[in-house]
Amino acid sequence: MNGTAARVHALSRWWPLGIATRWLPLGIALAAALVVYAPAIAAMAAEWMEFPSLSHGFAIPLLSAYLLWRRRELIAAEPMESSVGGLVLLVLALGALALGTLGGEPFIVRLSFPLTLFGLVLFLAGPGVTRRAWIGLAYLVFMIPLPYLTLKALTYQSQLFDAWMTATALGWLGVPVLRNGIMLVLPNITLEVAADCSSVPAIAALLALGGAYAQMQPRPTWIRAALTLSAAPLGLLSNIVRLILTSLGAYYLGPIALNNVIHKFNGTSVFLATVVLLVLLDALLTRIGRTASS
């Protein structure tokens, strides 16, 4: 066998013609879905660029592709078959697309995108492939921004809660403070728990962070679910700790404390603290799982 023939033989082992033919209909359907949803995806990308708290949206499709790539062998081993349930889901998703477009509800349009992908995979590839690929498809939900009015209301409530928790903690630490709504009045300075200080806009990013971390290594399903769902409350806790530290710095050092890295890059500091807490929680849950199984 000459060199060229050997290279062709080696390539055919990894990408046989049968595999390409097998996945071609699904590939064409997914490409068509991307074309249909291109305006909605472009609008989301514009929001990701405009609002720093939504910038994680750029990373979500890449992480979704990574999750699918890690399962490529399991996905390829499943039989290809059609499912009527997928067709029903596809019709419902496209109906939501039409309803959201006609009603001017971008959130419904965007939410129908991963549902359309689910429907296509289930309809053209069957339940076996869908069972293996669902986590990568579901992960795309994290790139969808919450509706503006809902986000605004939740953010203000979060500001009130964060201000109350911070004032309570400062009182325990012996710092005199008067809380007026989202304002913290200290003897030497008045601080505002602004909307940018809230972690609510980053809840989707925090959940995405927890989901990605949970999938990085083989873990029992219950630990993966716990890590994913715990990311948001751990992020909120990290943000409250950041507010307390900033308030303490402002009380003891004055306005100069507001120019530190932790305050200016609040999103980054909250994310790093959340990762640390996830690692600690992961170690605790793993130990509990080993103890329970022994």
Protein backbone atom coordinates (compact mmCIF):
# COMPACT_ATOMS: atom_id res chain seq x y z
CA MET A 1 0.00 0.00 0.00
CA ASN A 2 1.56 3.32 -1.08
CA GLY A 3 1.57 6.47 1.04
CA THR A 4 -1.49 8.05 -0.57
CA ALA A 5 -3.56 4.88 -0.24
CA ALA A 6 -2.49 4.54 3.39
CA ARG A 7 -3.60 8.10 4.16
CA VAL A 8 -6.97 7.52 2.47
CA HIS A 9 -7.43 4.28 4.42
CA ALA A 10 -6.58 6.02 7.71
CA LEU A 11 -8.99 8.86 6.92
CA SER A 12 -11.77 6.45 6.08
CA ARG A 13 -11.41 4.84 9.49
CA TRP A 14 -12.27 8.16 11.17
CA TRP A 15 -14.73 9.57 8.63
CA PRO A 16 -16.31 6.76 6.60
CA LEU A 17 -18.67 7.80 3.81
CA GLY A 18 -21.53 6.01 5.57
CA ILE A 19 -21.29 8.36 8.55
CA ALA A 20 -21.46 11.44 6.35
CA THR A 21 -24.51 10.09 4.53
CA ARG A 22 -26.14 9.08 7.80
CA TRP A 23 -25.89 12.54 9.36
CA LEU A 24 -26.41 14.59 6.18
CA PRO A 25 -30.22 15.11 6.53
CA LEU A 26 -29.85 16.26 10.16
CA GLY A 27 -26.95 18.53 9.24
CA ILE A 28 -28.95 20.19 6.46
CA ALA A 29 -31.94 20.63 8.80
CA LEU A 30 -29.79 22.20 11.52
CA ALA A 31 -28.18 24.55 8.99
CA ALA A 32 -31.65 25.60 7.82
CA ALA A 33 -32.66 26.26 11.43
CA LEU A 34 -29.64 28.53 11.87
CA VAL A 35 -30.67 30.50 8.78
CA VAL A 36 -34.24 30.88 10.06
CA TYR A 37 -33.07 32.02 13.49
CA ALA A 38 -30.20 34.20 12.22
CA PRO A 39 -32.02 37.50 12.97
CA ALA A 40 -32.85 36.39 16.52
CA ILE A 41 -29.29 35.19 17.13
CA ALA A 42 -27.87 38.45 15.76
CA ALA A 43 -30.16 40.46 18.08
CA MET A 44 -28.97 38.40 21.06
CA ALA A 45 -25.34 38.93 20.08
CA ALA A 46 -25.95 42.69 20.01
CA GLU A 47 -27.25 42.53 23.59
CA TRP A 48 -24.28 40.39 24.65
CA MET A 49 -21.97 43.10 23.34
CA GLU A 50 -23.92 45.99 24.89
CA PHE A 51 -24.41 44.60 28.41
CA PRO A 52 -21.36 43.15 30.22
CA SER A 53 -23.58 40.99 32.45
CA LEU A 54 -24.77 39.16 29.31
CA SER A 55 -21.38 38.75 27.64
CA HIS A 56 -21.25 35.10 28.69
CA GLY A 57 -23.64 34.47 25.78
CA PHE A 58 -20.70 34.37 23.37
CA ALA A 59 -19.18 31.43 25.25
CA ILE A 60 -22.36 29.35 25.54
CA PRO A 61 -22.45 28.00 21.93
CA LEU A 62 -18.78 27.05 22.22
CA LEU A 63 -19.36 25.21 25.49
CA SER A 64 -22.44 23.56 24.00
CA ALA A 65 -20.36 22.34 21.06
CA TYR A 66 -17.73 21.07 23.50
CA LEU A 67 -20.31 19.09 25.47
CA LEU A 68 -21.55 17.50 22.24
CA TRP A 69 -18.00 16.77 21.09
CA ARG A 70 -17.22 14.97 24.34
CA ARG A 71 -20.17 12.67 23.68
CA ARG A 72 -19.47 12.16 19.98
CA GLU A 73 -18.66 8.46 20.31
CA LEU A 74 -21.76 7.75 22.40
CA ILE A 75 -23.89 9.77 19.97
CA ALA A 76 -22.44 7.99 16.93
CA ALA A 77 -23.11 4.57 18.50
CA GLU A 78 -26.85 5.23 18.76
CA PRO A 79 -29.11 4.04 15.92
CA MET A 80 -30.60 6.68 13.62
CA GLU A 81 -34.38 6.54 13.58
CA SER A 82 -37.30 8.89 13.16
CA SER A 83 -39.62 9.90 15.99
CA VAL A 84 -43.11 11.36 15.67
CA GLY A 85 -42.62 13.05 19.04
CA GLY A 86 -39.83 15.09 17.50
CA LEU A 87 -42.15 16.28 14.75
CA VAL A 88 -44.73 17.39 17.34
CA LEU A 89 -42.06 19.26 19.31
CA LEU A 90 -40.76 20.86 16.11
CA VAL A 91 -44.23 22.09 15.15
CA LEU A 92 -44.76 23.55 18.62
CA ALA A 93 -41.36 25.26 18.56
CA LEU A 94 -41.97 26.79 15.12
CA GLY A 95 -45.42 27.87 16.31
CA ALA A 96 -43.75 29.65 19.24
CA LEU A 97 -41.37 31.29 16.75
CA ALA A 98 -44.29 32.58 14.69
CA LEU A 99 -46.22 33.69 17.77
CA GLY A 100 -43.25 35.52 19.24
CA THR A 101 -42.43 37.18 15.93
CA LEU A 102 -45.98 38.38 15.31
CA GLY A 103 -46.45 39.46 18.93
CA GLY A 104 -43.11 41.23 19.19
CA GLU A 105 -41.91 38.98 22.03
CA PRO A 106 -38.21 38.29 21.41
CA PHE A 107 -37.89 36.11 24.51
CA ILE A 108 -40.40 33.59 23.10
CA VAL A 109 -38.61 33.65 19.74
CA ARG A 110 -35.26 33.00 21.36
CA LEU A 111 -36.57 30.29 23.65
CA SER A 112 -38.02 28.46 20.66
CA PHE A 113 -34.53 28.10 19.14
CA PRO A 114 -33.21 25.30 21.40
CA LEU A 115 -36.67 23.69 21.28
CA THR A 116 -36.46 23.65 17.48
CA LEU A 117 -33.04 22.00 17.67
CA PHE A 118 -34.44 19.42 20.09
CA GLY A 119 -37.33 18.73 17.75
CA LEU A 120 -35.07 18.32 14.71
CA VAL A 121 -32.69 15.96 16.50
CA LEU A 122 -35.52 13.89 17.94
CA PHE A 123 -37.41 13.77 14.64
CA LEU A 124 -34.47 12.97 12.36
CA ALA A 125 -32.09 11.11 14.68
CA GLY A 126 -34.38 9.46 17.21
CA PRO A 127 -34.61 9.21 21.01
CA GLY A 128 -31.26 7.42 21.39
CA VAL A 129 -29.24 10.24 19.85
CA THR A 130 -31.37 12.84 21.65
CA ARG A 131 -30.72 11.14 24.99
CA ARG A 132 -26.98 11.46 24.41
CA ALA A 133 -27.06 14.98 22.97
CA TRP A 134 -29.69 16.66 25.14
CA ILE A 135 -27.25 18.30 27.58
CA GLY A 136 -25.43 20.14 24.80
CA LEU A 137 -28.70 21.35 23.28
CA ALA A 138 -30.25 22.33 26.61
CA TYR A 139 -27.12 24.30 27.49
CA LEU A 140 -28.04 26.82 24.80
CA VAL A 141 -30.86 28.09 27.04
CA PHE A 142 -28.24 29.87 29.17
CA MET A 143 -27.40 32.27 26.32
CA ILE A 144 -30.95 33.69 26.24
CA PRO A 145 -31.34 36.99 28.18
CA LEU A 146 -34.30 37.24 30.52
CA PRO A 147 -37.17 39.56 29.50
CA TYR A 148 -36.29 43.17 30.32
CA LEU A 149 -39.27 43.91 32.60
CA THR A 150 -38.78 40.67 34.53
CA LEU A 151 -35.06 41.31 34.83
CA LYS A 152 -35.64 44.91 36.01
CA ALA A 153 -38.10 43.85 38.72
CA LEU A 154 -35.88 41.01 39.95
CA THR A 155 -32.81 43.25 39.93
CA TYR A 156 -34.45 45.87 42.17
CA GLN A 157 -35.66 43.23 44.61
CA SER A 158 -32.15 41.80 44.64
CA GLN A 159 -30.75 45.28 45.37
CA LEU A 160 -33.06 45.60 48.37
CA PHE A 161 -32.12 42.13 49.64
CA ASP A 162 -28.39 42.71 49.13
CA ALA A 163 -28.59 46.07 50.94
CA TRP A 164 -30.46 44.48 53.86
CA MET A 165 -27.99 41.59 54.14
CA THR A 166 -25.01 43.95 53.93
CA ALA A 167 -26.44 46.29 56.57
CA THR A 168 -27.20 43.34 58.86
CA ALA A 169 -23.69 41.95 58.50
CA LEU A 170 -22.13 45.38 59.11
CA GLY A 171 -24.18 45.71 62.30
CA TRP A 172 -22.88 42.32 63.49
CA LEU A 173 -19.33 43.53 62.77
CA GLY A 174 -19.81 46.66 64.86
CA VAL A 175 -20.07 49.13 61.98
CA PRO A 176 -22.80 51.77 62.50
CA VAL A 177 -25.02 51.85 59.43
CA LEU A 178 -28.46 53.14 58.48
CA ARG A 179 -30.22 51.49 55.57
CA ASN A 180 -32.68 53.47 53.48
CA GLY A 181 -33.92 51.22 50.70
CA ILE A 182 -30.85 50.46 48.62
CA MET A 183 -28.77 53.20 50.30
CA LEU A 184 -26.31 52.39 53.09
CA VAL A 185 -25.52 55.44 55.22
CA LEU A 186 -22.21 55.06 57.06
CA PRO A 187 -20.75 57.74 59.38
CA ASN A 188 -18.24 58.86 56.75
CA ILE A 189 -19.83 57.89 53.43
CA THR A 190 -23.12 56.91 51.79
CA LEU A 191 -23.10 53.87 49.54
CA GLU A 192 -25.67 52.76 46.97
CA VAL A 193 -26.28 49.13 46.08
CA ALA A 194 -26.71 49.93 42.40
CA ALA A 195 -28.21 47.72 39.74
CA ASP A 196 -24.70 46.91 38.51
CA CYS A 197 -23.95 45.55 41.99
CA SER A 198 -26.74 42.97 41.71
CA SER A 199 -26.02 39.41 40.59
CA VAL A 200 -29.48 38.90 39.12
CA PRO A 201 -28.47 39.86 35.55
CA ALA A 202 -25.71 37.25 35.78
CA ILE A 203 -27.92 34.41 37.06
CA ALA A 204 -27.95 32.74 33.64
CA ALA A 205 -24.17 33.08 33.45
CA LEU A 206 -23.79 31.60 36.94
CA LEU A 207 -26.02 28.64 36.07
CA ALA A 208 -24.05 28.17 32.87
CA LEU A 209 -20.85 28.25 34.90
CA GLY A 210 -22.20 25.60 37.26
CA GLY A 211 -23.43 23.45 34.37
CA ALA A 212 -20.09 23.63 32.57
CA TYR A 213 -18.15 22.85 35.75
CA ALA A 214 -20.42 19.90 36.53
CA GLN A 215 -19.83 18.38 33.09
CA MET A 216 -16.05 18.71 33.07
CA GLN A 217 -15.48 15.42 34.86
CA PRO A 218 -17.47 12.18 35.25
CA ARG A 219 -19.76 12.59 38.24
CA PRO A 220 -22.98 11.01 39.50
CA THR A 221 -26.06 12.68 38.08
CA TRP A 222 -27.20 14.00 41.45
CA ILE A 223 -23.86 15.75 42.02
CA ARG A 224 -24.01 17.32 38.56
CA ALA A 225 -27.52 18.61 39.22
CA ALA A 226 -26.54 19.93 42.65
CA LEU A 227 -23.50 21.78 41.29
CA THR A 228 -25.50 23.31 38.45
CA LEU A 229 -28.35 24.50 40.65
CA SER A 230 -26.03 25.69 43.42
CA ALA A 231 -24.06 28.04 41.17
CA ALA A 232 -26.69 30.81 41.29
CA PRO A 233 -27.10 30.96 45.10
CA LEU A 234 -23.33 30.64 45.53
CA GLY A 235 -22.91 33.56 43.13
CA LEU A 236 -25.43 35.62 45.10
CA LEU A 237 -23.57 34.75 48.31
CA SER A 238 -20.26 35.76 46.72
CA ASN A 239 -21.74 39.08 45.68
CA ILE A 240 -23.03 39.82 49.20
CA VAL A 241 -19.60 39.04 50.64
CA ARG A 242 -18.10 41.43 48.07
CA LEU A 243 -20.55 44.17 49.14
CA ILE A 244 -19.70 43.64 52.79
CA LEU A 245 -15.96 43.81 52.12
CA THR A 246 -16.42 46.95 50.01
CA SER A 247 -18.52 48.60 52.73
CA LEU A 248 -15.93 47.73 55.38
CA GLY A 249 -13.21 49.19 53.22
CA ALA A 250 -15.22 52.37 52.66
CA TYR A 251 -15.84 52.70 56.41
CA TYR A 252 -12.24 52.20 57.49
CA LEU A 253 -10.36 53.62 54.48
CA GLY A 254 -12.82 56.05 52.90
CA PRO A 255 -13.69 56.53 49.20
CA ILE A 256 -10.33 55.11 48.10
CA ALA A 257 -11.72 51.66 48.87
CA LEU A 258 -14.20 52.04 46.01
CA ASN A 259 -11.37 52.19 43.48
CA ASN A 260 -10.09 48.67 44.16
CA VAL A 261 -10.18 45.80 41.69
CA ILE A 262 -12.86 43.87 43.59
CA HIS A 263 -15.29 46.77 43.32
CA LYS A 264 -14.52 47.85 39.76
CA PHE A 265 -14.50 44.34 38.32
CA ASN A 266 -17.38 43.03 40.40
CA GLY A 267 -18.51 40.48 37.81
CA THR A 268 -15.07 38.90 37.55
CA SER A 269 -14.56 38.80 41.31
CA VAL A 270 -17.99 37.21 41.86
CA PHE A 271 -17.31 34.59 39.20
CA LEU A 272 -13.90 33.71 40.65
CA ALA A 273 -15.37 33.42 44.15
CA THR A 274 -18.18 31.26 42.79
CA VAL A 275 -15.68 28.90 41.16
CA VAL A 276 -13.86 28.53 44.49
CA LEU A 277 -17.13 27.76 46.27
CA LEU A 278 -18.10 25.25 43.56
CA VAL A 279 -14.79 23.44 44.01
CA LEU A 280 -15.35 23.25 47.77
CA LEU A 281 -18.95 22.07 47.31
CA ASP A 282 -17.80 19.50 44.75
CA ALA A 283 -15.28 18.08 47.20
CA LEU A 284 -17.93 17.93 49.95
CA LEU A 285 -20.54 16.23 47.75
CA THR A 286 -17.97 13.74 46.40
CA ARG A 287 -16.97 12.80 49.94
CA ILE A 288 -20.63 12.38 50.91
CA GLY A 289 -21.22 10.19 47.85
CA ARG A 290 -18.24 7.98 48.64
CA THR A 291 -19.31 7.64 52.26
CA ALA A 292 -22.84 6.69 51.25
CA SER A 293 -21.64 4.05 48.78
CA SER A 294 -19.10 2.47 51.13
